[in-house]
Amino acid sequence: MRSPLSSHLPLVPLASPVPGVRVLLITLRHLAQAQGIAKVAKAAGIERESLYRALSDRGNPRRPTLVAVTKAIGVRLTVEAG
């Protein structure tokens, strides 16, 4: 099921690792906040504080966390070779 928010998201190019990852985390954080951090954390199976930490400016979430959060938000991450 596609989130209504996801239909309005631009493609975010991650050309350079650090700024691109930061943009990704900020985007996911805004989407999670729009749907309710507690609700997203529960759906993702992680603690609310852990979600805040993972999606913070200094966040460094593991792949399983990103997968769980994106599923809970209703978006899909795609990686393409450029």
N, C-alpha and C. Protein backbone atom coordinates (compact mmCIF):
# COMPACT_ATOMS: atom_id res chain seq x y z
N MET A 1 0.85 -1.18 0.00
CA MET A 1 0.00 0.00 0.00
C MET A 1 0.89 1.24 0.00
N ARG A 2 0.65 2.13 -0.88
CA ARG A 2 1.46 3.33 -1.01
C ARG A 2 0.89 4.44 -0.14
N SER A 3 1.77 5.09 0.60
CA SER A 3 1.35 6.19 1.46
C SER A 3 0.96 7.39 0.62
N PRO A 4 -0.08 8.13 1.01
CA PRO A 4 -0.43 9.33 0.26
C PRO A 4 0.72 10.34 0.26
N LEU A 5 1.52 10.36 1.32
CA LEU A 5 2.67 11.26 1.38
C LEU A 5 3.71 10.89 0.34
N SER A 6 3.90 9.59 0.13
CA SER A 6 4.97 9.16 -0.77
C SER A 6 4.73 9.58 -2.21
N SER A 7 3.49 9.81 -2.59
CA SER A 7 3.22 10.21 -3.96
C SER A 7 3.69 11.64 -4.23
N HIS A 8 3.99 12.40 -3.18
CA HIS A 8 4.43 13.77 -3.33
C HIS A 8 5.92 13.95 -3.06
N LEU A 9 6.63 12.86 -2.81
CA LEU A 9 8.05 12.96 -2.50
C LEU A 9 8.89 13.01 -3.76
N PRO A 10 9.85 13.90 -3.79
CA PRO A 10 10.76 13.90 -4.93
C PRO A 10 11.77 12.77 -4.79
N LEU A 11 12.38 12.41 -5.88
CA LEU A 11 13.48 11.46 -5.80
C LEU A 11 14.65 12.19 -5.17
N VAL A 12 15.29 11.56 -4.20
CA VAL A 12 16.40 12.20 -3.50
C VAL A 12 17.69 11.55 -3.96
N PRO A 13 18.47 12.25 -4.79
CA PRO A 13 19.74 11.67 -5.22
C PRO A 13 20.75 11.69 -4.08
N LEU A 14 21.40 10.58 -3.88
CA LEU A 14 22.40 10.47 -2.81
C LEU A 14 23.79 10.42 -3.43
N ALA A 15 24.16 11.49 -4.11
CA ALA A 15 25.42 11.53 -4.85
C ALA A 15 26.62 11.43 -3.93
N SER A 16 26.63 12.16 -2.84
CA SER A 16 27.75 12.07 -1.90
C SER A 16 27.26 11.45 -0.61
N PRO A 17 28.03 10.55 -0.04
CA PRO A 17 27.54 9.76 1.09
C PRO A 17 27.03 10.55 2.28
N VAL A 18 27.78 11.47 2.79
CA VAL A 18 27.37 12.14 4.02
C VAL A 18 26.18 13.06 3.81
N PRO A 19 26.24 14.05 2.91
CA PRO A 19 25.06 14.90 2.74
C PRO A 19 23.83 14.12 2.28
N GLY A 20 24.01 13.14 1.41
CA GLY A 20 22.88 12.37 0.92
C GLY A 20 22.20 11.58 2.01
N VAL A 21 22.99 10.96 2.86
CA VAL A 21 22.42 10.19 3.98
C VAL A 21 21.69 11.13 4.93
N ARG A 22 22.26 12.29 5.15
CA ARG A 22 21.61 13.28 6.03
C ARG A 22 20.26 13.69 5.46
N VAL A 23 20.19 13.91 4.16
CA VAL A 23 18.93 14.27 3.50
C VAL A 23 17.92 13.13 3.65
N LEU A 24 18.37 11.91 3.47
CA LEU A 24 17.50 10.75 3.62
C LEU A 24 16.94 10.68 5.04
N LEU A 25 17.79 10.82 6.04
CA LEU A 25 17.34 10.73 7.43
C LEU A 25 16.36 11.85 7.77
N ILE A 26 16.65 13.06 7.29
CA ILE A 26 15.75 14.19 7.54
C ILE A 26 14.39 13.93 6.89
N THR A 27 14.40 13.43 5.66
CA THR A 27 13.16 13.14 4.95
C THR A 27 12.36 12.07 5.70
N LEU A 28 13.02 10.99 6.11
CA LEU A 28 12.32 9.95 6.86
C LEU A 28 11.80 10.47 8.19
N ARG A 29 12.58 11.33 8.84
CA ARG A 29 12.13 11.90 10.11
C ARG A 29 10.87 12.74 9.91
N HIS A 30 10.84 13.57 8.87
CA HIS A 30 9.66 14.40 8.61
C HIS A 30 8.44 13.53 8.30
N LEU A 31 8.64 12.47 7.55
CA LEU A 31 7.52 11.57 7.25
C LEU A 31 7.03 10.87 8.51
N ALA A 32 7.95 10.44 9.36
CA ALA A 32 7.58 9.78 10.61
C ALA A 32 6.83 10.76 11.52
N GLN A 33 7.30 11.99 11.59
CA GLN A 33 6.63 13.00 12.42
C GLN A 33 5.22 13.28 11.89
N ALA A 34 5.08 13.31 10.58
CA ALA A 34 3.76 13.58 9.99
C ALA A 34 2.76 12.48 10.34
N GLN A 35 3.26 11.25 10.48
CA GLN A 35 2.36 10.13 10.80
C GLN A 35 2.30 9.84 12.29
N GLY A 36 3.19 10.47 13.06
CA GLY A 36 3.26 10.26 14.49
C GLY A 36 4.42 9.33 14.83
N ILE A 37 5.41 9.88 15.51
CA ILE A 37 6.62 9.11 15.83
C ILE A 37 6.28 7.84 16.61
N ALA A 38 5.43 7.96 17.61
CA ALA A 38 5.07 6.79 18.43
C ALA A 38 4.42 5.70 17.59
N LYS A 39 3.52 6.11 16.70
CA LYS A 39 2.82 5.15 15.83
C LYS A 39 3.80 4.45 14.89
N VAL A 40 4.70 5.22 14.29
CA VAL A 40 5.68 4.65 13.36
C VAL A 40 6.64 3.72 14.11
N ALA A 41 7.09 4.15 15.28
CA ALA A 41 8.01 3.32 16.07
C ALA A 41 7.35 1.99 16.43
N LYS A 42 6.11 2.04 16.86
CA LYS A 42 5.40 0.81 17.21
C LYS A 42 5.26 -0.10 16.00
N ALA A 43 4.87 0.47 14.86
CA ALA A 43 4.71 -0.33 13.63
C ALA A 43 6.04 -0.91 13.17
N ALA A 44 7.14 -0.17 13.43
CA ALA A 44 8.46 -0.64 13.02
C ALA A 44 9.07 -1.62 14.03
N GLY A 45 8.45 -1.71 15.20
CA GLY A 45 8.94 -2.63 16.23
C GLY A 45 10.17 -2.12 16.95
N ILE A 46 10.29 -0.80 17.07
CA ILE A 46 11.43 -0.23 17.79
C ILE A 46 10.92 0.79 18.81
N GLU A 47 11.75 1.10 19.79
CA GLU A 47 11.39 2.08 20.80
C GLU A 47 11.35 3.48 20.17
N ARG A 48 10.47 4.30 20.68
CA ARG A 48 10.33 5.66 20.17
C ARG A 48 11.65 6.43 20.26
N GLU A 49 12.34 6.31 21.37
CA GLU A 49 13.61 7.01 21.55
C GLU A 49 14.65 6.52 20.54
N SER A 50 14.62 5.23 20.23
CA SER A 50 15.55 4.67 19.25
C SER A 50 15.26 5.21 17.85
N LEU A 51 13.98 5.42 17.55
CA LEU A 51 13.61 5.98 16.26
C LEU A 51 14.11 7.42 16.16
N TYR A 52 13.89 8.21 17.21
CA TYR A 52 14.41 9.58 17.21
C TYR A 52 15.93 9.58 16.99
N ARG A 53 16.63 8.71 17.69
CA ARG A 53 18.09 8.65 17.58
C ARG A 53 18.51 8.22 16.18
N ALA A 54 17.85 7.21 15.62
CA ALA A 54 18.22 6.70 14.30
C ALA A 54 18.01 7.74 13.21
N LEU A 55 16.98 8.58 13.36
CA LEU A 55 16.66 9.56 12.33
C LEU A 55 17.16 10.96 12.65
N SER A 56 18.03 11.05 13.65
CA SER A 56 18.59 12.36 14.02
C SER A 56 19.69 12.75 13.03
N ASP A 57 20.16 13.99 13.15
CA ASP A 57 21.23 14.48 12.28
C ASP A 57 22.49 13.63 12.41
N ARG A 58 22.68 13.05 13.57
CA ARG A 58 23.85 12.19 13.79
C ARG A 58 23.50 10.71 13.74
N GLY A 59 22.31 10.42 13.25
CA GLY A 59 21.84 9.04 13.20
C GLY A 59 22.68 8.18 12.27
N ASN A 60 22.76 6.92 12.61
CA ASN A 60 23.48 5.95 11.79
C ASN A 60 22.71 4.63 11.86
N PRO A 61 21.47 4.64 11.34
CA PRO A 61 20.63 3.45 11.48
C PRO A 61 21.16 2.27 10.66
N ARG A 62 20.95 1.10 11.19
CA ARG A 62 21.31 -0.13 10.47
C ARG A 62 20.24 -0.40 9.41
N ARG A 63 20.62 -1.21 8.44
CA ARG A 63 19.70 -1.53 7.35
C ARG A 63 18.36 -2.08 7.85
N PRO A 64 18.34 -3.03 8.81
CA PRO A 64 17.03 -3.53 9.27
C PRO A 64 16.14 -2.42 9.85
N THR A 65 16.76 -1.44 10.50
CA THR A 65 15.98 -0.33 11.04
C THR A 65 15.39 0.50 9.91
N LEU A 66 16.19 0.79 8.90
CA LEU A 66 15.69 1.56 7.75
C LEU A 66 14.55 0.82 7.06
N VAL A 67 14.70 -0.48 6.89
CA VAL A 67 13.65 -1.28 6.24
C VAL A 67 12.36 -1.23 7.07
N ALA A 68 12.49 -1.42 8.37
CA ALA A 68 11.30 -1.41 9.24
C ALA A 68 10.62 -0.05 9.24
N VAL A 69 11.41 1.02 9.29
CA VAL A 69 10.84 2.36 9.33
C VAL A 69 10.17 2.70 8.00
N THR A 70 10.82 2.39 6.90
CA THR A 70 10.21 2.72 5.60
C THR A 70 8.92 1.92 5.39
N LYS A 71 8.90 0.68 5.82
CA LYS A 71 7.66 -0.11 5.73
C LYS A 71 6.57 0.51 6.59
N ALA A 72 6.93 0.92 7.81
CA ALA A 72 5.95 1.52 8.72
C ALA A 72 5.40 2.83 8.17
N ILE A 73 6.25 3.59 7.48
CA ILE A 73 5.83 4.86 6.91
C ILE A 73 5.04 4.65 5.62
N GLY A 74 5.34 3.56 4.94
CA GLY A 74 4.65 3.28 3.68
C GLY A 74 5.40 3.76 2.45
N VAL A 75 6.73 3.84 2.57
CA VAL A 75 7.55 4.22 1.42
C VAL A 75 8.55 3.12 1.13
N ARG A 76 9.15 3.19 -0.02
CA ARG A 76 10.12 2.17 -0.44
C ARG A 76 11.41 2.88 -0.82
N LEU A 77 12.52 2.37 -0.30
CA LEU A 77 13.84 2.87 -0.70
C LEU A 77 14.31 2.12 -1.91
N THR A 78 14.84 2.84 -2.86
CA THR A 78 15.38 2.23 -4.08
C THR A 78 16.79 2.74 -4.31
N VAL A 79 17.69 1.84 -4.61
CA VAL A 79 19.06 2.20 -4.90
C VAL A 79 19.32 1.89 -6.36
N GLU A 80 19.82 2.89 -7.09
CA GLU A 80 20.13 2.71 -8.49
C GLU A 80 21.56 3.13 -8.76
N ALA A 81 22.21 2.39 -9.61
CA ALA A 81 23.56 2.78 -10.02
C ALA A 81 23.46 3.97 -10.96
N GLY A 82 24.36 4.91 -10.81
CA GLY A 82 24.30 6.11 -11.64
C GLY A 82 25.31 6.04 -12.67
